[in-house]
PDB file of N, CA and C in Angstrom:
ATOM      1  N   UNK A   1     -29.415 -16.174  98.452  1.00  0.00           N
ATOM      2  CA  UNK A   1     -28.889 -17.242  99.277  1.00  0.00           C
ATOM      3  C   UNK A   1     -27.556 -16.793  99.886  1.00  0.00           C
ATOM      4  N   UNK A   2     -27.420 -17.005 101.196  1.00  0.00           N
ATOM      5  CA  UNK A   2     -26.174 -16.639 101.886  1.00  0.00           C
ATOM      6  C   UNK A   2     -25.093 -17.666 101.627  1.00  0.00           C
ATOM      7  N   UNK A   3     -23.895 -17.182 101.449  1.00  0.00           N
ATOM      8  CA  UNK A   3     -22.742 -18.049 101.324  1.00  0.00           C
ATOM      9  C   UNK A   3     -21.881 -17.889 102.562  1.00  0.00           C
ATOM     10  N   UNK A   4     -21.265 -18.983 102.981  1.00  0.00           N
ATOM     11  CA  UNK A   4     -20.411 -18.959 104.157  1.00  0.00           C
ATOM     12  C   UNK A   4     -19.046 -19.513 103.767  1.00  0.00           C
ATOM     13  N   UNK A   5     -18.027 -18.857 104.287  1.00  0.00           N
ATOM     14  CA  UNK A   5     -16.643 -19.296 104.082  1.00  0.00           C
ATOM     15  C   UNK A   5     -15.930 -19.175 105.429  1.00  0.00           C
ATOM     16  N   UNK A   6     -15.082 -20.125 105.714  1.00  0.00           N
ATOM     17  CA  UNK A   6     -14.305 -20.103 106.955  1.00  0.00           C
ATOM     18  C   UNK A   6     -12.885 -20.519 106.644  1.00  0.00           C
ATOM     19  N   UNK A   7     -11.923 -19.743 107.110  1.00  0.00           N
ATOM     20  CA  UNK A   7     -10.514 -19.998 106.927  1.00  0.00           C
ATOM     21  C   UNK A   7      -9.861 -20.095 108.286  1.00  0.00           C
ATOM     22  N   UNK A   8      -8.893 -21.005 108.425  1.00  0.00           N
ATOM     23  CA  UNK A   8      -8.263 -21.216 109.734  1.00  0.00           C
ATOM     24  C   UNK A   8      -6.785 -21.596 109.578  1.00  0.00           C
ATOM     25  N   UNK A   9      -5.994 -21.098 110.518  1.00  0.00           N
ATOM     26  CA  UNK A   9      -4.579 -21.457 110.545  1.00  0.00           C
ATOM     27  C   UNK A   9      -4.056 -21.353 111.966  1.00  0.00           C
ATOM     28  N   UNK A  10      -3.297 -22.366 112.388  1.00  0.00           N
ATOM     29  CA  UNK A  10      -2.635 -22.340 113.688  1.00  0.00           C
ATOM     30  C   UNK A  10      -1.177 -21.934 113.451  1.00  0.00           C
ATOM     31  N   UNK A  11      -0.710 -20.987 114.264  1.00  0.00           N
ATOM     32  CA  UNK A  11       0.690 -20.541 114.211  1.00  0.00           C
ATOM     33  C   UNK A  11       1.219 -20.532 115.644  1.00  0.00           C
ATOM     34  N   UNK A  12       2.124 -21.436 115.937  1.00  0.00           N
ATOM     35  CA  UNK A  12       2.621 -21.541 117.290  1.00  0.00           C
ATOM     36  C   UNK A  12       1.514 -21.921 118.236  1.00  0.00           C
ATOM     37  N   UNK A  13       1.381 -21.169 119.330  1.00  0.00           N
ATOM     38  CA  UNK A  13       0.327 -21.445 120.335  1.00  0.00           C
ATOM     39  C   UNK A  13      -0.959 -20.662 120.010  1.00  0.00           C
ATOM     40  N   UNK A  14      -1.063 -20.040 118.853  1.00  0.00           N
ATOM     41  CA  UNK A  14      -2.209 -19.211 118.519  1.00  0.00           C
ATOM     42  C   UNK A  14      -2.978 -19.765 117.343  1.00  0.00           C
ATOM     43  N   UNK A  15      -4.284 -19.470 117.336  1.00  0.00           N
ATOM     44  CA  UNK A  15      -5.132 -19.844 116.190  1.00  0.00           C
ATOM     45  C   UNK A  15      -5.743 -18.573 115.616  1.00  0.00           C
ATOM     46  N   UNK A  16      -5.863 -18.549 114.299  1.00  0.00           N
ATOM     47  CA  UNK A  16      -6.458 -17.411 113.608  1.00  0.00           C
ATOM     48  C   UNK A  16      -7.547 -17.970 112.687  1.00  0.00           C
ATOM     49  N   UNK A  17      -8.767 -17.412 112.819  1.00  0.00           N
ATOM     50  CA  UNK A  17      -9.911 -17.849 112.053  1.00  0.00           C
ATOM     51  C   UNK A  17     -10.577 -16.632 111.419  1.00  0.00           C
ATOM     52  N   UNK A  18     -10.975 -16.789 110.163  1.00  0.00           N
ATOM     53  CA  UNK A  18     -11.724 -15.749 109.474  1.00  0.00           C
ATOM     54  C   UNK A  18     -13.025 -16.382 108.966  1.00  0.00           C
ATOM     55  N   UNK A  19     -14.157 -15.800 109.349  1.00  0.00           N
ATOM     56  CA  UNK A  19     -15.471 -16.273 108.887  1.00  0.00           C
ATOM     57  C   UNK A  19     -16.114 -15.187 108.054  1.00  0.00           C
ATOM     58  N   UNK A  20     -16.654 -15.583 106.890  1.00  0.00           N
ATOM     59  CA  UNK A  20     -17.317 -14.648 105.992  1.00  0.00           C
ATOM     60  C   UNK A  20     -18.717 -15.174 105.726  1.00  0.00           C
ATOM     61  N   UNK A  21     -19.717 -14.313 105.920  1.00  0.00           N
ATOM     62  CA  UNK A  21     -21.100 -14.619 105.577  1.00  0.00           C
ATOM     63  C   UNK A  21     -21.563 -13.562 104.596  1.00  0.00           C
ATOM     64  N   UNK A  22     -21.877 -13.995 103.393  1.00  0.00           N
ATOM     65  CA  UNK A  22     -22.241 -12.989 102.370  1.00  0.00           C
ATOM     66  C   UNK A  22     -23.661 -13.222 101.866  1.00  0.00           C
ATOM     67  N   UNK A  23     -24.261 -12.186 101.414  1.00  0.00           N
ATOM     68  CA  UNK A  23     -25.631 -12.174 100.867  1.00  0.00           C
ATOM     69  C   UNK A  23     -25.985 -10.700 100.631  1.00  0.00           C
ATOM     70  N   UNK A  24     -27.154 -10.278 101.118  1.00  0.00           N
ATOM     71  CA  UNK A  24     -27.503  -8.864 100.997  1.00  0.00           C
ATOM     72  C   UNK A  24     -26.543  -8.018 101.826  1.00  0.00           C
ATOM     73  N   UNK A  25     -26.097  -8.597 102.933  1.00  0.00           N
ATOM     74  CA  UNK A  25     -25.096  -7.964 103.780  1.00  0.00           C
ATOM     75  C   UNK A  25     -23.935  -8.960 103.916  1.00  0.00           C
ATOM     76  N   UNK A  26     -22.711  -8.488 103.796  1.00  0.00           N
ATOM     77  CA  UNK A  26     -21.549  -9.366 103.971  1.00  0.00           C
ATOM     78  C   UNK A  26     -20.886  -8.994 105.287  1.00  0.00           C
ATOM     79  N   UNK A  27     -20.712 -10.003 106.146  1.00  0.00           N
ATOM     80  CA  UNK A  27     -20.062  -9.830 107.438  1.00  0.00           C
ATOM     81  C   UNK A  27     -18.815 -10.672 107.474  1.00  0.00           C
ATOM     82  N   UNK A  28     -17.729 -10.043 107.913  1.00  0.00           N
ATOM     83  CA  UNK A  28     -16.431 -10.731 108.016  1.00  0.00           C
ATOM     84  C   UNK A  28     -15.935 -10.564 109.439  1.00  0.00           C
ATOM     85  N   UNK A  29     -15.620 -11.682 110.096  1.00  0.00           N
ATOM     86  CA  UNK A  29     -15.105 -11.592 111.458  1.00  0.00           C
ATOM     87  C   UNK A  29     -13.737 -12.263 111.514  1.00  0.00           C
ATOM     88  N   UNK A  30     -12.871 -11.673 112.310  1.00  0.00           N
ATOM     89  CA  UNK A  30     -11.531 -12.204 112.554  1.00  0.00           C
ATOM     90  C   UNK A  30     -11.441 -12.606 114.013  1.00  0.00           C
ATOM     91  N   UNK A  31     -11.158 -13.892 114.236  1.00  0.00           N
ATOM     92  CA  UNK A  31     -11.005 -14.409 115.595  1.00  0.00           C
ATOM     93  C   UNK A  31      -9.551 -14.823 115.814  1.00  0.00           C
ATOM     94  N   UNK A  32      -8.980 -14.385 116.921  1.00  0.00           N
ATOM     95  CA  UNK A  32      -7.650 -14.796 117.324  1.00  0.00           C
ATOM     96  C   UNK A  32      -7.794 -15.507 118.660  1.00  0.00           C
ATOM     97  N   UNK A  33      -7.361 -16.753 118.704  1.00  0.00           N
ATOM     98  CA  UNK A  33      -7.486 -17.588 119.886  1.00  0.00           C
ATOM     99  C   UNK A  33      -8.931 -17.677 120.368  1.00  0.00           C
ATOM    100  N   UNK A  34      -9.864 -17.723 119.411  1.00  0.00           N
ATOM    101  CA  UNK A  34     -11.277 -17.879 119.713  1.00  0.00           C
ATOM    102  C   UNK A  34     -12.013 -16.601 120.094  1.00  0.00           C
ATOM    103  N   UNK A  35     -11.342 -15.468 120.125  1.00  0.00           N
ATOM    104  CA  UNK A  35     -11.966 -14.190 120.490  1.00  0.00           C
ATOM    105  C   UNK A  35     -12.091 -13.314 119.255  1.00  0.00           C
ATOM    106  N   UNK A  36     -13.275 -12.672 119.111  1.00  0.00           N
ATOM    107  CA  UNK A  36     -13.445 -11.765 117.984  1.00  0.00           C
ATOM    108  C   UNK A  36     -12.597 -10.527 118.200  1.00  0.00           C
ATOM    109  N   UNK A  37     -11.724 -10.242 117.241  1.00  0.00           N
ATOM    110  CA  UNK A  37     -10.802  -9.126 117.336  1.00  0.00           C
ATOM    111  C   UNK A  37     -11.163  -8.028 116.366  1.00  0.00           C
ATOM    112  N   UNK A  38     -11.669  -8.402 115.190  1.00  0.00           N
ATOM    113  CA  UNK A  38     -12.060  -7.408 114.167  1.00  0.00           C
ATOM    114  C   UNK A  38     -13.312  -7.906 113.475  1.00  0.00           C
ATOM    115  N   UNK A  39     -14.125  -6.924 113.006  1.00  0.00           N
ATOM    116  CA  UNK A  39     -15.381  -7.231 112.355  1.00  0.00           C
ATOM    117  C   UNK A  39     -15.596  -6.174 111.257  1.00  0.00           C
ATOM    118  N   UNK A  40     -16.103  -6.617 110.107  1.00  0.00           N
ATOM    119  CA  UNK A  40     -16.387  -5.734 108.998  1.00  0.00           C
ATOM    120  C   UNK A  40     -17.755  -6.075 108.414  1.00  0.00           C
ATOM    121  N   UNK A  41     -18.595  -5.098 108.204  1.00  0.00           N
ATOM    122  CA  UNK A  41     -19.921  -5.318 107.634  1.00  0.00           C
ATOM    123  C   UNK A  41     -20.136  -4.334 106.491  1.00  0.00           C
ATOM    124  N   UNK A  42     -20.664  -4.844 105.382  1.00  0.00           N
ATOM    125  CA  UNK A  42     -20.942  -3.989 104.232  1.00  0.00           C
ATOM    126  C   UNK A  42     -22.161  -4.533 103.504  1.00  0.00           C
ATOM    127  N   UNK A  43     -22.968  -3.655 102.930  1.00  0.00           N
ATOM    128  CA  UNK A  43     -24.114  -4.083 102.120  1.00  0.00           C
ATOM    129  C   UNK A  43     -23.604  -4.629 100.810  1.00  0.00           C
ATOM    130  N   UNK A  44     -24.199  -5.742 100.365  1.00  0.00           N
ATOM    131  CA  UNK A  44     -23.796  -6.332  99.092  1.00  0.00           C
ATOM    132  C   UNK A  44     -22.873  -7.533  99.323  1.00  0.00           C
ATOM    133  N   UNK A  45     -22.183  -7.913  98.266  1.00  0.00           N
ATOM    134  CA  UNK A  45     -21.392  -9.135  98.298  1.00  0.00           C
ATOM    135  C   UNK A  45     -19.930  -8.907  98.698  1.00  0.00           C
ATOM    136  N   UNK A  46     -19.652  -7.827  99.349  1.00  0.00           N
ATOM    137  CA  UNK A  46     -18.295  -7.589  99.854  1.00  0.00           C
ATOM    138  C   UNK A  46     -17.443  -6.751  98.922  1.00  0.00           C
ATOM    139  N   UNK A  47     -16.495  -6.079  99.524  1.00  0.00           N
ATOM    140  CA  UNK A  47     -15.529  -5.267  98.785  1.00  0.00           C
ATOM    141  C   UNK A  47     -14.161  -5.888  99.006  1.00  0.00           C
ATOM    142  N   UNK A  48     -13.538  -6.340  97.910  1.00  0.00           N
ATOM    143  CA  UNK A  48     -12.254  -7.017  98.022  1.00  0.00           C
ATOM    144  C   UNK A  48     -11.242  -6.378  97.103  1.00  0.00           C
ATOM    145  N   UNK A  49      -9.974  -6.358  97.473  1.00  0.00           N
ATOM    146  CA  UNK A  49      -9.401  -7.026  98.636  1.00  0.00           C
ATOM    147  C   UNK A  49      -9.806  -6.330  99.928  1.00  0.00           C
ATOM    148  N   UNK A  50      -9.889  -7.100 101.000  1.00  0.00           N
ATOM    149  CA  UNK A  50     -10.230  -6.614 102.333  1.00  0.00           C
ATOM    150  C   UNK A  50      -9.124  -7.059 103.283  1.00  0.00           C
ATOM    151  N   UNK A  51      -8.619  -6.129 104.081  1.00  0.00           N
ATOM    152  CA  UNK A  51      -7.584  -6.437 105.079  1.00  0.00           C
ATOM    153  C   UNK A  51      -8.076  -6.073 106.445  1.00  0.00           C
ATOM    154  N   UNK A  52      -7.945  -7.028 107.384  1.00  0.00           N
ATOM    155  CA  UNK A  52      -8.291  -6.821 108.782  1.00  0.00           C
ATOM    156  C   UNK A  52      -7.025  -6.964 109.609  1.00  0.00           C
ATOM    157  N   UNK A  53      -6.825  -6.064 110.556  1.00  0.00           N
ATOM    158  CA  UNK A  53      -5.612  -6.079 111.381  1.00  0.00           C
ATOM    159  C   UNK A  53      -5.935  -6.494 112.813  1.00  0.00           C
ATOM    160  N   UNK A  54      -4.961  -7.107 113.467  1.00  0.00           N
ATOM    161  CA  UNK A  54      -5.112  -7.548 114.871  1.00  0.00           C
ATOM    162  C   UNK A  54      -3.709  -7.705 115.459  1.00  0.00           C
ATOM    163  N   UNK A  55      -3.679  -8.213 116.698  1.00  0.00           N
ATOM    164  CA  UNK A  55      -2.411  -8.491 117.368  1.00  0.00           C
ATOM    165  C   UNK A  55      -2.521  -9.823 118.087  1.00  0.00           C
ATOM    166  N   UNK A  56      -1.413 -10.526 118.145  1.00  0.00           N
ATOM    167  CA  UNK A  56      -1.334 -11.714 118.988  1.00  0.00           C
ATOM    168  C   UNK A  56      -0.970 -11.289 120.382  1.00  0.00           C
ATOM    169  N   UNK A  57      -1.585 -11.913 121.365  1.00  0.00           N
ATOM    170  CA  UNK A  57      -1.322 -11.547 122.769  1.00  0.00           C
ATOM    171  C   UNK A  57       0.008 -12.152 123.230  1.00  0.00           C
ATOM    172  N   UNK A  58       1.062 -11.449 122.913  1.00  0.00           N
ATOM    173  CA  UNK A  58       2.391 -11.821 123.349  1.00  0.00           C
ATOM    174  C   UNK A  58       3.034 -10.587 123.976  1.00  0.00           C
ATOM    175  N   UNK A  59       4.207 -10.721 124.509  1.00  0.00           N
ATOM    176  CA  UNK A  59       4.911  -9.577 125.091  1.00  0.00           C
ATOM    177  C   UNK A  59       6.204  -9.339 124.339  1.00  0.00           C
ATOM    178  N   UNK A  60       6.336  -8.342 123.521  1.00  0.00           N
ATOM    179  CA  UNK A  60       5.329  -7.333 123.191  1.00  0.00           C
ATOM    180  C   UNK A  60       4.289  -7.913 122.224  1.00  0.00           C
ATOM    181  N   UNK A  61       3.111  -7.251 122.092  1.00  0.00           N
ATOM    182  CA  UNK A  61       2.095  -7.739 121.160  1.00  0.00           C
ATOM    183  C   UNK A  61       2.655  -7.827 119.736  1.00  0.00           C
ATOM    184  N   UNK A  62       2.224  -8.875 119.037  1.00  0.00           N
ATOM    185  CA  UNK A  62       2.733  -9.153 117.696  1.00  0.00           C
ATOM    186  C   UNK A  62       1.631  -8.822 116.674  1.00  0.00           C
ATOM    187  N   UNK A  63       1.835  -7.788 115.857  1.00  0.00           N
ATOM    188  CA  UNK A  63       0.819  -7.405 114.873  1.00  0.00           C
ATOM    189  C   UNK A  63       0.655  -8.464 113.772  1.00  0.00           C
ATOM    190  N   UNK A  64      -0.563  -8.583 113.293  1.00  0.00           N
ATOM    191  CA  UNK A  64      -0.844  -9.469 112.173  1.00  0.00           C
ATOM    192  C   UNK A  64      -1.930  -8.817 111.315  1.00  0.00           C
ATOM    193  N   UNK A  65      -2.089  -9.318 110.106  1.00  0.00           N
ATOM    194  CA  UNK A  65      -3.151  -8.879 109.214  1.00  0.00           C
ATOM    195  C   UNK A  65      -3.626 -10.098 108.435  1.00  0.00           C
ATOM    196  N   UNK A  66      -4.907 -10.113 108.102  1.00  0.00           N
ATOM    197  CA  UNK A  66      -5.454 -11.128 107.202  1.00  0.00           C
ATOM    198  C   UNK A  66      -5.990 -10.383 105.993  1.00  0.00           C
ATOM    199  N   UNK A  67      -5.762 -10.951 104.819  1.00  0.00           N
ATOM    200  CA  UNK A  67      -6.219 -10.315 103.571  1.00  0.00           C
ATOM    201  C   UNK A  67      -7.068 -11.317 102.806  1.00  0.00           C
ATOM    202  N   UNK A  68      -8.272 -10.854 102.445  1.00  0.00           N
ATOM    203  CA  UNK A  68      -9.192 -11.646 101.636  1.00  0.00           C
ATOM    204  C   UNK A  68      -9.235 -11.067 100.223  1.00  0.00           C
ATOM    205  N   UNK A  69      -9.242 -11.946  99.242  1.00  0.00           N
ATOM    206  CA  UNK A  69      -9.324 -11.523  97.841  1.00  0.00           C
ATOM    207  C   UNK A  69     -10.245 -12.464  97.090  1.00  0.00           C
ATOM    208  N   UNK A  70     -10.869 -11.973  96.043  1.00  0.00           N
ATOM    209  CA  UNK A  70     -11.652 -12.824  95.145  1.00  0.00           C
ATOM    210  C   UNK A  70     -10.689 -13.627  94.282  1.00  0.00           C
ATOM    211  N   UNK A  71     -11.055 -14.902  94.000  1.00  0.00           N
ATOM    212  CA  UNK A  71     -10.210 -15.744  93.165  1.00  0.00           C
ATOM    213  C   UNK A  71     -10.709 -15.804  91.723  1.00  0.00           C
ATOM    214  N   UNK A  72     -11.998 -15.576  91.518  1.00  0.00           N
ATOM    215  CA  UNK A  72     -12.569 -15.674  90.191  1.00  0.00           C
ATOM    216  C   UNK A  72     -13.026 -17.084  89.825  1.00  0.00           C
ATOM    217  N   UNK A  73     -12.906 -18.027  90.765  1.00  0.00           N
ATOM    218  CA  UNK A  73     -13.356 -19.387  90.490  1.00  0.00           C
ATOM    219  C   UNK A  73     -14.601 -19.691  91.314  1.00  0.00           C
ATOM    220  N   UNK A  74     -15.576 -20.402  90.739  1.00  0.00           N
ATOM    221  CA  UNK A  74     -16.782 -20.695  91.475  1.00  0.00           C
ATOM    222  C   UNK A  74     -16.589 -21.701  92.632  1.00  0.00           C
ATOM    223  N   UNK A  75     -15.601 -22.591  92.517  1.00  0.00           N
ATOM    224  CA  UNK A  75     -15.385 -23.593  93.562  1.00  0.00           C
ATOM    225  C   UNK A  75     -14.908 -22.955  94.859  1.00  0.00           C
ATOM    226  N   UNK A  76     -13.991 -21.998  94.756  1.00  0.00           N
ATOM    227  CA  UNK A  76     -13.426 -21.299  95.928  1.00  0.00           C
ATOM    228  C   UNK A  76     -13.365 -19.809  95.568  1.00  0.00           C
ATOM    229  N   UNK A  77     -14.472 -19.091  95.737  1.00  0.00           N
ATOM    230  CA  UNK A  77     -14.512 -17.686  95.291  1.00  0.00           C
ATOM    231  C   UNK A  77     -13.624 -16.729  96.088  1.00  0.00           C
ATOM    232  N   UNK A  78     -13.206 -17.126  97.316  1.00  0.00           N
ATOM    233  CA  UNK A  78     -12.359 -16.278  98.142  1.00  0.00           C
ATOM    234  C   UNK A  78     -11.085 -16.989  98.515  1.00  0.00           C
ATOM    235  N   UNK A  79     -10.021 -16.234  98.647  1.00  0.00           N
ATOM    236  CA  UNK A  79      -8.745 -16.726  99.177  1.00  0.00           C
ATOM    237  C   UNK A  79      -8.363 -15.827 100.351  1.00  0.00           C
ATOM    238  N   UNK A  80      -7.716 -16.428 101.362  1.00  0.00           N
ATOM    239  CA  UNK A  80      -7.333 -15.684 102.556  1.00  0.00           C
ATOM    240  C   UNK A  80      -5.879 -15.989 102.878  1.00  0.00           C
ATOM    241  N   UNK A  81      -5.147 -14.936 103.264  1.00  0.00           N
ATOM    242  CA  UNK A  81      -3.749 -15.109 103.686  1.00  0.00           C
ATOM    243  C   UNK A  81      -3.541 -14.374 105.013  1.00  0.00           C
ATOM    244  N   UNK A  82      -2.652 -14.935 105.800  1.00  0.00           N
ATOM    245  CA  UNK A  82      -2.218 -14.342 107.079  1.00  0.00           C
ATOM    246  C   UNK A  82      -0.863 -13.713 106.857  1.00  0.00           C
ATOM    247  N   UNK A  83      -0.728 -12.443 107.233  1.00  0.00           N
ATOM    248  CA  UNK A  83       0.558 -11.748 107.154  1.00  0.00           C
ATOM    249  C   UNK A  83       1.059 -11.578 108.591  1.00  0.00           C
ATOM    250  N   UNK A  84       2.200 -12.248 108.864  1.00  0.00           N
ATOM    251  CA  UNK A  84       2.734 -12.273 110.232  1.00  0.00           C
ATOM    252  C   UNK A  84       4.263 -12.288 110.157  1.00  0.00           C
ATOM    253  N   UNK A  85       4.894 -11.397 110.895  1.00  0.00           N
ATOM    254  CA  UNK A  85       6.371 -11.320 110.960  1.00  0.00           C
ATOM    255  C   UNK A  85       6.987 -11.193 109.571  1.00  0.00           C
ATOM    256  N   UNK A  86       6.354 -10.444 108.677  1.00  0.00           N
ATOM    257  CA  UNK A  86       6.887 -10.211 107.346  1.00  0.00           C
ATOM    258  C   UNK A  86       6.692 -11.342 106.374  1.00  0.00           C
ATOM    259  N   UNK A  87       6.018 -12.413 106.792  1.00  0.00           N
ATOM    260  CA  UNK A  87       5.770 -13.571 105.901  1.00  0.00           C
ATOM    261  C   UNK A  87       4.274 -13.663 105.603  1.00  0.00           C
ATOM    262  N   UNK A  88       3.981 -14.267 104.454  1.00  0.00           N
ATOM    263  CA  UNK A  88       2.594 -14.455 104.041  1.00  0.00           C
ATOM    264  C   UNK A  88       2.303 -15.955 104.094  1.00  0.00           C
ATOM    265  N   UNK A  89       1.226 -16.309 104.828  1.00  0.00           N
ATOM    266  CA  UNK A  89       0.845 -17.704 105.007  1.00  0.00           C
ATOM    267  C   UNK A  89      -0.575 -17.915 104.457  1.00  0.00           C
ATOM    268  N   UNK A  90      -0.745 -18.733 103.415  1.00  0.00           N
ATOM    269  CA  UNK A  90      -2.093 -19.020 102.924  1.00  0.00           C
ATOM    270  C   UNK A  90      -2.921 -19.712 104.011  1.00  0.00           C
ATOM    271  N   UNK A  91      -4.148 -19.280 104.159  1.00  0.00           N
ATOM    272  CA  UNK A  91      -5.061 -19.882 105.144  1.00  0.00           C
ATOM    273  C   UNK A  91      -6.006 -20.829 104.410  1.00  0.00           C
ATOM    274  N   UNK A  92      -5.979 -22.113 104.733  1.00  0.00           N
ATOM    275  CA  UNK A  92      -6.894 -23.047 104.059  1.00  0.00           C
ATOM    276  C   UNK A  92      -8.345 -22.822 104.451  1.00  0.00           C
ATOM    277  N   UNK A  93      -9.229 -23.057 103.490  1.00  0.00           N
ATOM    278  CA  UNK A  93     -10.651 -22.910 103.772  1.00  0.00           C
ATOM    279  C   UNK A  93     -11.157 -24.178 104.425  1.00  0.00           C
ATOM    280  N   UNK A  94     -11.901 -23.996 105.518  1.00  0.00           N
ATOM    281  CA  UNK A  94     -12.517 -25.126 106.202  1.00  0.00           C
ATOM    282  C   UNK A  94     -13.723 -25.586 105.406  1.00  0.00           C
ATOM    283  N   UNK A  95     -13.950 -26.857 105.387  1.00  0.00           N
ATOM    284  CA  UNK A  95     -15.167 -27.367 104.731  1.00  0.00           C
ATOM    285  C   UNK A  95     -16.184 -27.654 105.809  1.00  0.00           C
ATOM    286  N   UNK A  96     -17.471 -27.460 105.440  1.00  0.00           N
ATOM    287  CA  UNK A  96     -18.556 -27.725 106.390  1.00  0.00           C
ATOM    288  C   UNK A  96     -18.663 -29.182 106.661  1.00  0.00           C
ATOM    289  N   UNK A  97     -19.015 -29.523 107.894  1.00  0.00           N
ATOM    290  CA  UNK A  97     -19.141 -30.939 108.260  1.00  0.00           C
ATOM    291  C   UNK A  97     -20.605 -31.314 108.360  1.00  0.00           C
TER     292      UNK A  97
END
C-alpha cells in the first residue's frame, strides 16, 4: 500500500511544498511557488535523512534546503524542515481532505 505525505510552508511571498509517495518506489518532489524544482526516486521505502536543495527566485537567488527524517512514530512517520537564511523552520504536514 502506498503512503502519501505532504508538507507545506509559506515564507514571505513564496511557498514551499514537499510531497512524498512511498511504496515499492519512493518518490519525493520539492515544489517552490508551485513549480517542481527537485525530484528524488528510490526503490523501497526511502533513504532518510534526505535533503533536497533549491533556490527562491529573488535577486540574487536565495538558496534553501528541505530535510526529511524518519520520526519513529506511526502517526507521523516523517518530519520535514526548511532551511533558509541560516534558520530551520519545521514544515507542518498537510492532512488529506
